[in-house]
C-alpha atoms as a PDB file:
ATOM      1  CA  MET A   1      14.403  -0.682   3.036  1.00  0.00           C
ATOM      2  CA  ARG A   2      12.440   2.669   2.808  1.00  0.00           C
ATOM      3  CA  ASN A   3      13.887   3.673   0.118  1.00  0.00           C
ATOM      4  CA  ASP A   4      13.751   0.302  -1.836  1.00  0.00           C
ATOM      5  CA  PHE A   5       9.950   0.348  -0.927  1.00  0.00           C
ATOM      6  CA  MET A   6       9.586   3.792  -2.559  1.00  0.00           C
ATOM      7  CA  LYS A   7      11.681   2.462  -5.038  1.00  0.00           C
ATOM      8  CA  ALA A   8       8.991  -0.141  -5.717  1.00  0.00           C
ATOM      9  CA  MET A   9       6.192   2.732  -5.496  1.00  0.00           C
ATOM     10  CA  ASP A  10       8.141   4.879  -8.240  1.00  0.00           C
ATOM     11  CA  PHE A  11       8.651   1.611 -10.989  1.00  0.00           C
ATOM     12  CA  ARG A  12       4.959   0.678 -10.801  1.00  0.00           C
ATOM     13  CA  HIS A  13       2.923   1.574 -13.091  1.00  0.00           C
ATOM     14  CA  ALA A  14      -0.257  -0.051 -15.366  1.00  0.00           C
ATOM     15  CA  CYS A  15       1.887  -1.183 -17.992  1.00  0.00           C
ATOM     16  CA  LYS A  16       0.342  -1.592 -21.483  1.00  0.00           C
ATOM     17  CA  VAL A  17       1.802  -3.557 -22.937  1.00  0.00           C
ATOM     18  CA  PHE A  18       4.449  -6.328 -21.850  1.00  0.00           C
ATOM     19  CA  ASP A  19       7.136  -8.199 -23.519  1.00  0.00           C
ATOM     20  CA  ASP A  20       5.379 -11.697 -24.776  1.00  0.00           C
ATOM     21  CA  THR A  21       9.164 -12.951 -25.538  1.00  0.00           C
ATOM     22  CA  LYS A  22       9.514 -12.804 -21.590  1.00  0.00           C
ATOM     23  CA  LYS A  23       8.120 -15.545 -19.093  1.00  0.00           C
ATOM     24  CA  ILE A  24       8.477 -15.053 -15.118  1.00  0.00           C
ATOM     25  CA  SER A  25       9.860 -17.541 -13.486  1.00  0.00           C
ATOM     26  CA  ASP A  26       8.099 -20.006 -11.104  1.00  0.00           C
ATOM     27  CA  GLU A  27       9.806 -18.771  -8.223  1.00  0.00           C
ATOM     28  CA  ASP A  28       9.011 -14.837  -8.647  1.00  0.00           C
ATOM     29  CA  MET A  29       5.698 -15.440  -9.576  1.00  0.00           C
ATOM     30  CA  ARG A  30       4.959 -17.147  -6.504  1.00  0.00           C
ATOM     31  CA  TYR A  31       6.650 -14.742  -4.240  1.00  0.00           C
ATOM     32  CA  ILE A  32       3.764 -12.240  -5.827  1.00  0.00           C
ATOM     33  CA  LEU A  33       0.966 -15.009  -5.314  1.00  0.00           C
ATOM     34  CA  GLU A  34       2.400 -15.322  -1.375  1.00  0.00           C
ATOM     35  CA  ALA A  35       2.119 -11.469  -1.236  1.00  0.00           C
ATOM     36  CA  GLY A  36      -1.460 -11.469  -1.800  1.00  0.00           C
ATOM     37  CA  ARG A  37      -2.194 -14.939   0.085  1.00  0.00           C
ATOM     38  CA  LYS A  38      -0.658 -12.909   2.808  1.00  0.00           C
ATOM     39  CA  SER A  39      -3.138  -9.904   2.916  1.00  0.00           C
ATOM     40  CA  PRO A  40      -5.257  -9.116   5.732  1.00  0.00           C
ATOM     41  CA  SER A  41      -9.023  -9.509   4.943  1.00  0.00           C
ATOM     42  CA  SER A  42     -12.182  -8.409   7.108  1.00  0.00           C
ATOM     43  CA  PHE A  43     -12.342 -10.930  10.277  1.00  0.00           C
ATOM     44  CA  GLY A  44      -9.613 -12.921   8.675  1.00  0.00           C
ATOM     45  CA  MET A  45     -12.172 -14.812   6.139  1.00  0.00           C
ATOM     46  CA  GLU A  46      -9.630 -14.259   3.495  1.00  0.00           C
ATOM     47  CA  ALA A  47     -12.369 -14.741   0.497  1.00  0.00           C
ATOM     48  CA  TRP A  48     -10.386 -14.845  -2.305  1.00  0.00           C
ATOM     49  CA  LYS A  49      -8.680 -17.425  -4.651  1.00  0.00           C
ATOM     50  CA  PHE A  50      -6.225 -16.648  -7.372  1.00  0.00           C
ATOM     51  CA  LEU A  51      -6.723 -18.323 -10.959  1.00  0.00           C
ATOM     52  CA  VAL A  52      -3.212 -17.854 -12.476  1.00  0.00           C
ATOM     53  CA  ILE A  53      -2.990 -18.474 -16.573  1.00  0.00           C
ATOM     54  CA  THR A  54      -0.394 -18.949 -18.794  1.00  0.00           C
ATOM     55  CA  ASN A  55      -2.037 -21.049 -21.089  1.00  0.00           C
ATOM     56  CA  ASP A  56      -2.243 -18.878 -24.700  1.00  0.00           C
ATOM     57  CA  ALA A  57      -4.886 -19.952 -25.987  1.00  0.00           C
ATOM     58  CA  LEU A  58      -7.306 -19.320 -22.831  1.00  0.00           C
ATOM     59  CA  LYS A  59      -5.926 -15.903 -23.050  1.00  0.00           C
ATOM     60  CA  GLU A  60      -6.651 -15.757 -26.466  1.00  0.00           C
ATOM     61  CA  LYS A  61     -10.131 -16.593 -25.979  1.00  0.00           C
ATOM     62  CA  LEU A  62     -10.290 -14.366 -22.502  1.00  0.00           C
ATOM     63  CA  LYS A  63      -9.124 -11.427 -24.743  1.00  0.00           C
ATOM     64  CA  PRO A  64     -12.365 -10.428 -26.219  1.00  0.00           C
ATOM     65  CA  ALA A  65     -14.337 -10.286 -22.971  1.00  0.00           C
ATOM     66  CA  CYS A  66     -11.764  -8.386 -21.635  1.00  0.00           C
ATOM     67  CA  TRP A  67     -12.392  -5.326 -24.427  1.00  0.00           C
ATOM     68  CA  ASN A  68      -9.533  -6.755 -26.002  1.00  0.00           C
ATOM     69  CA  GLN A  69      -7.039  -4.994 -24.102  1.00  0.00           C
ATOM     70  CA  VAL A  70      -3.376  -6.708 -25.245  1.00  0.00           C
ATOM     71  CA  GLN A  71      -2.317  -6.891 -21.807  1.00  0.00           C
ATOM     72  CA  ILE A  72      -4.687 -10.366 -21.253  1.00  0.00           C
ATOM     73  CA  THR A  73      -2.280 -11.922 -24.002  1.00  0.00           C
ATOM     74  CA  SER A  74       1.167 -10.229 -24.100  1.00  0.00           C
ATOM     75  CA  CYS A  75       1.702 -10.664 -20.041  1.00  0.00           C
ATOM     76  CA  SER A  76       3.724 -13.769 -18.865  1.00  0.00           C
ATOM     77  CA  HIS A  77       0.654 -14.590 -16.150  1.00  0.00           C
ATOM     78  CA  LEU A  78      -2.673 -13.432 -16.319  1.00  0.00           C
ATOM     79  CA  VAL A  79      -3.991 -13.705 -12.799  1.00  0.00           C
ATOM     80  CA  LEU A  80      -7.381 -13.525 -12.232  1.00  0.00           C
ATOM     81  CA  VAL A  81      -8.739 -12.463  -8.714  1.00  0.00           C
ATOM     82  CA  LEU A  82     -11.700 -13.756  -7.464  1.00  0.00           C
ATOM     83  CA  ALA A  83     -14.049 -12.865  -4.543  1.00  0.00           C
ATOM     84  CA  GLY A  84     -15.124 -15.324  -2.188  1.00  0.00           C
ATOM     85  CA  ILE A  85     -19.431 -15.937  -1.697  1.00  0.00           C
ATOM     86  CA  ASP A  86     -20.506 -19.050  -0.110  1.00  0.00           C
ATOM     87  CA  SER A  87     -17.677 -19.208   2.134  1.00  0.00           C
ATOM     88  CA  VAL A  88     -18.162 -15.919   4.336  1.00  0.00           C
ATOM     89  CA  LYS A  89     -22.013 -17.256   5.069  1.00  0.00           C
ATOM     90  CA  VAL A  90     -22.184 -18.342   8.685  1.00  0.00           C
ATOM     91  CA  GLU A  91     -24.236 -21.723   7.434  1.00  0.00           C
ATOM     92  CA  SER A  92     -20.827 -23.012   5.357  1.00  0.00           C
ATOM     93  CA  GLY A  93     -19.283 -23.809   8.339  1.00  0.00           C
ATOM     94  CA  VAL A  94     -16.242 -22.151   6.484  1.00  0.00           C
ATOM     95  CA  VAL A  95     -16.537 -19.255   8.646  1.00  0.00           C
ATOM     96  CA  ALA A  96     -16.332 -21.041  11.824  1.00  0.00           C
ATOM     97  CA  LYS A  97     -13.392 -23.353  10.776  1.00  0.00           C
ATOM     98  CA  ARG A  98     -11.290 -20.010  10.240  1.00  0.00           C
ATOM     99  CA  PHE A  99     -12.360 -18.587  13.469  1.00  0.00           C
ATOM    100  CA  LYS A 100     -11.190 -22.147  14.977  1.00  0.00           C
ATOM    101  CA  ARG A 101      -7.697 -21.671  13.825  1.00  0.00           C
ATOM    102  CA  ARG A 102      -6.947 -20.075  16.741  1.00  0.00           C
ATOM    103  CA  ALA A 103      -7.768 -21.939  19.917  1.00  0.00           C
ATOM    104  CA  MET A 104     -10.374 -21.102  21.946  1.00  0.00           C
ATOM    105  CA  PRO A 105     -13.302 -22.847  23.743  1.00  0.00           C
ATOM    106  CA  GLN A 106     -16.623 -23.180  22.415  1.00  0.00           C
ATOM    107  CA  ASP A 107     -18.479 -20.592  24.538  1.00  0.00           C
ATOM    108  CA  LYS A 108     -16.001 -17.795  22.726  1.00  0.00           C
ATOM    109  CA  LEU A 109     -16.550 -19.474  19.402  1.00  0.00           C
ATOM    110  CA  ASP A 110     -20.597 -18.750  19.768  1.00  0.00           C
ATOM    111  CA  PHE A 111     -19.779 -15.418  20.644  1.00  0.00           C
ATOM    112  CA  TYR A 112     -17.463 -14.624  17.814  1.00  0.00           C
ATOM    113  CA  LEU A 113     -20.119 -16.350  15.269  1.00  0.00           C
ATOM    114  CA  GLY A 114     -22.960 -14.522  16.884  1.00  0.00           C
ATOM    115  CA  LEU A 115     -20.898 -11.153  16.654  1.00  0.00           C
ATOM    116  CA  TYR A 116     -20.060 -11.677  13.167  1.00  0.00           C
ATOM    117  CA  ALA A 117     -23.512 -12.614  12.045  1.00  0.00           C
ATOM    118  CA  GLU A 118     -24.718  -9.608  13.636  1.00  0.00           C
ATOM    119  CA  HIS A 119     -22.121  -7.801  12.187  1.00  0.00           C
ATOM    120  CA  LEU A 120     -22.636  -8.740   8.702  1.00  0.00           C
ATOM    121  CA  LYS A 121     -26.557  -9.419   8.617  1.00  0.00           C
ATOM    122  CA  ASP A 122     -27.315  -6.648   5.591  1.00  0.00           C
ATOM    123  CA  VAL A 123     -24.383  -7.658   4.220  1.00  0.00           C
ATOM    124  CA  LEU A 124     -24.555 -11.690   4.298  1.00  0.00           C
ATOM    125  CA  ASN A 125     -28.321 -11.088   2.876  1.00  0.00           C
ATOM    126  CA  THR A 126     -27.740 -11.487  -0.801  1.00  0.00           C
ATOM    127  CA  ASP A 127     -25.139 -12.811  -2.933  1.00  0.00           C
ATOM    128  CA  GLU A 128     -24.931  -9.208  -4.416  1.00  0.00           C
ATOM    129  CA  ASN A 129     -24.000  -7.469  -1.058  1.00  0.00           C
ATOM    130  CA  ILE A 130     -21.552 -10.253  -0.542  1.00  0.00           C
ATOM    131  CA  TYR A 131     -19.638  -9.876  -3.695  1.00  0.00           C
ATOM    132  CA  ALA A 132     -19.471  -5.568  -2.847  1.00  0.00           C
ATOM    133  CA  TRP A 133     -17.926  -6.589   0.339  1.00  0.00           C
ATOM    134  CA  THR A 134     -15.470  -9.382  -0.596  1.00  0.00           C
ATOM    135  CA  ALA A 135     -14.468  -7.679  -3.629  1.00  0.00           C
ATOM    136  CA  ARG A 136     -13.443  -4.867  -2.117  1.00  0.00           C
ATOM    137  CA  GLN A 137     -11.117  -6.754   0.102  1.00  0.00           C
ATOM    138  CA  THR A 138      -9.581  -8.737  -2.802  1.00  0.00           C
ATOM    139  CA  TYR A 139      -8.038  -5.201  -4.071  1.00  0.00           C
ATOM    140  CA  ILE A 140      -6.087  -5.001  -0.796  1.00  0.00           C
ATOM    141  CA  ALA A 141      -4.604  -8.480  -1.966  1.00  0.00           C
ATOM    142  CA  ALA A 142      -3.756  -7.252  -5.543  1.00  0.00           C
ATOM    143  CA  ALA A 143      -2.508  -4.194  -4.680  1.00  0.00           C
ATOM    144  CA  ASN A 144       0.252  -6.097  -2.379  1.00  0.00           C
ATOM    145  CA  MET A 145       0.774  -8.502  -5.492  1.00  0.00           C
ATOM    146  CA  MET A 146       1.799  -5.616  -7.687  1.00  0.00           C
ATOM    147  CA  THR A 147       4.131  -3.596  -4.769  1.00  0.00           C
ATOM    148  CA  ALA A 148       5.649  -7.501  -4.718  1.00  0.00           C
ATOM    149  CA  GLY A 149       6.260  -7.682  -8.428  1.00  0.00           C
ATOM    150  CA  ALA A 150       7.618  -4.381  -8.573  1.00  0.00           C
ATOM    151  CA  PHE A 151       9.897  -5.134  -5.750  1.00  0.00           C
ATOM    152  CA  ILE A 152      11.331  -7.528  -7.963  1.00  0.00           C
ATOM    153  CA  GLY A 153      11.314  -5.452 -11.063  1.00  0.00           C
ATOM    154  CA  ILE A 154       8.111  -7.418 -12.255  1.00  0.00           C
ATOM    155  CA  ASP A 155       5.060  -5.085 -14.259  1.00  0.00           C
ATOM    156  CA  SER A 156       1.513  -5.171 -13.584  1.00  0.00           C
ATOM    157  CA  CYS A 157      -1.838  -3.626 -14.692  1.00  0.00           C
ATOM    158  CA  PRO A 158      -4.975  -3.725 -12.588  1.00  0.00           C
ATOM    159  CA  ILE A 159      -7.946  -4.081 -15.159  1.00  0.00           C
ATOM    160  CA  GLU A 160     -11.555  -3.314 -14.180  1.00  0.00           C
ATOM    161  CA  GLY A 161     -12.281  -3.492 -18.049  1.00  0.00           C
ATOM    162  CA  PHE A 162     -13.949  -6.530 -18.670  1.00  0.00           C
ATOM    163  CA  ASP A 163     -17.624  -8.295 -19.324  1.00  0.00           C
ATOM    164  CA  LYS A 164     -17.945 -10.110 -15.608  1.00  0.00           C
ATOM    165  CA  LYS A 165     -20.371 -12.717 -16.754  1.00  0.00           C
ATOM    166  CA  GLN A 166     -19.076 -13.803 -20.266  1.00  0.00           C
ATOM    167  CA  VAL A 167     -15.591 -14.473 -18.279  1.00  0.00           C
ATOM    168  CA  GLU A 168     -17.209 -16.203 -15.673  1.00  0.00           C
ATOM    169  CA  GLU A 169     -19.111 -18.266 -18.223  1.00  0.00           C
ATOM    170  CA  ILE A 170     -15.574 -19.390 -20.173  1.00  0.00           C
ATOM    171  CA  LEU A 171     -14.179 -20.123 -17.000  1.00  0.00           C
ATOM    172  CA  GLY A 172     -16.884 -22.482 -15.923  1.00  0.00           C
ATOM    173  CA  LEU A 173     -16.963 -20.582 -12.470  1.00  0.00           C
ATOM    174  CA  ASP A 174     -19.460 -21.356 -10.194  1.00  0.00           C
ATOM    175  CA  THR A 175     -20.405 -18.002  -8.813  1.00  0.00           C
ATOM    176  CA  THR A 176     -22.167 -19.263  -6.035  1.00  0.00           C
ATOM    177  CA  LYS A 177     -18.652 -19.987  -4.697  1.00  0.00           C
ATOM    178  CA  TYR A 178     -16.775 -17.548  -6.850  1.00  0.00           C
ATOM    179  CA  GLN A 179     -17.256 -14.033  -8.975  1.00  0.00           C
ATOM    180  CA  LEU A 180     -14.549 -12.454 -10.791  1.00  0.00           C
ATOM    181  CA  ALA A 181     -13.229  -9.290  -8.928  1.00  0.00           C
ATOM    182  CA  MET A 182     -10.170  -7.841 -11.422  1.00  0.00           C
ATOM    183  CA  VAL A 183      -7.970  -9.056 -14.200  1.00  0.00           C
ATOM    184  CA  LEU A 184      -4.732  -8.876 -12.958  1.00  0.00           C
ATOM    185  CA  PRO A 185      -1.614  -9.475 -15.763  1.00  0.00           C
ATOM    186  CA  PHE A 186       1.825  -9.512 -14.776  1.00  0.00           C
ATOM    187  CA  GLY A 187       4.830  -9.504 -17.006  1.00  0.00           C
ATOM    188  CA  TYR A 188       7.993  -7.475 -18.254  1.00  0.00           C
ATOM    189  CA  ARG A 189       7.123  -3.755 -20.058  1.00  0.00           C
ATOM    190  CA  ILE A 190       8.118  -3.540 -23.611  1.00  0.00           C
ATOM    191  CA  ASN A 191       7.985   0.239 -23.673  1.00  0.00           C
ATOM    192  CA  PRO A 192       9.362   3.244 -21.736  1.00  0.00           C
ATOM    193  CA  GLN A 193       7.089   4.318 -18.401  1.00  0.00           C
ATOM    194  CA  SER A 194       5.245   7.042 -18.643  1.00  0.00           C
ATOM    195  CA  GLU A 195       5.906   9.711 -16.468  1.00  0.00           C
ATOM    196  CA  GLN A 196       3.985   9.093 -13.109  1.00  0.00           C
ATOM    197  CA  LEU A 197       1.450  11.797 -12.379  1.00  0.00           C
ATOM    198  CA  ARG A 198       0.165  12.120  -8.946  1.00  0.00           C
ATOM    199  CA  LEU A 199      -1.672  14.688  -7.128  1.00  0.00           C
ATOM    200  CA  PRO A 200       0.395  16.780  -4.604  1.00  0.00           C
ATOM    201  CA  PHE A 201       1.075  15.220  -0.913  1.00  0.00           C
ATOM    202  CA  ASP A 202      -0.719  18.113   1.099  1.00  0.00           C
ATOM    203  CA  GLU A 203      -3.753  17.923  -1.415  1.00  0.00           C
ATOM    204  CA  VAL A 204      -4.840  14.523  -0.479  1.00  0.00           C
ATOM    205  CA  VAL A 205      -3.559  14.091   3.136  1.00  0.00           C
ATOM    206  CA  GLU A 206      -4.951  16.480   5.842  1.00  0.00           C
ATOM    207  CA  PHE A 207      -3.643  16.335   9.403  1.00  0.00           C
ATOM    208  CA  ILE A 208      -6.385  16.410  12.253  1.00  0.00           C
ATOM    209  CA  LYS A 209      -4.991  16.971  15.610  1.00  0.00           C
END
């Protein structure tokens, strides 16, 4: 299994052009999305949402707002990774709901809510700061989805090249609740994979004893 995982890591690359004649099955796409759903998040808040777009007309509409990158329209499934905003605010009630998933007495719940609010007081004071915090967490989910895709032979390409406001307006997003963090197309490569270039292990890893 260790070798299988590394094979997936070797297989994964930022696919620049997908074969638009090949579509991902519902079963395989659900497998990929489950990897995102099961990903870790700070305080277990799961402050994300994954919009899955297969509508060709909507892809075409989004393409100019994504720097006209061909992946947007050639992919099988276009996943828009959203970062939660309102749900991580204590006053939303969602934070308490998340903590309550594990049975605990009221005094312990109050303790955790107080700890959460105090620890994140500077993060939660503006939507801009919240987005910076939750968007970082969506990258964990995105990485897991990409690796899950690679594990079953499906390509992907993480994209930050987009006009955030324009994409959000096209989608009609309520940005007080969710904001766009990443555009993540999935599909099947049409061209051979380019050579994977990475820094040597000893250049990026340092053991401190």
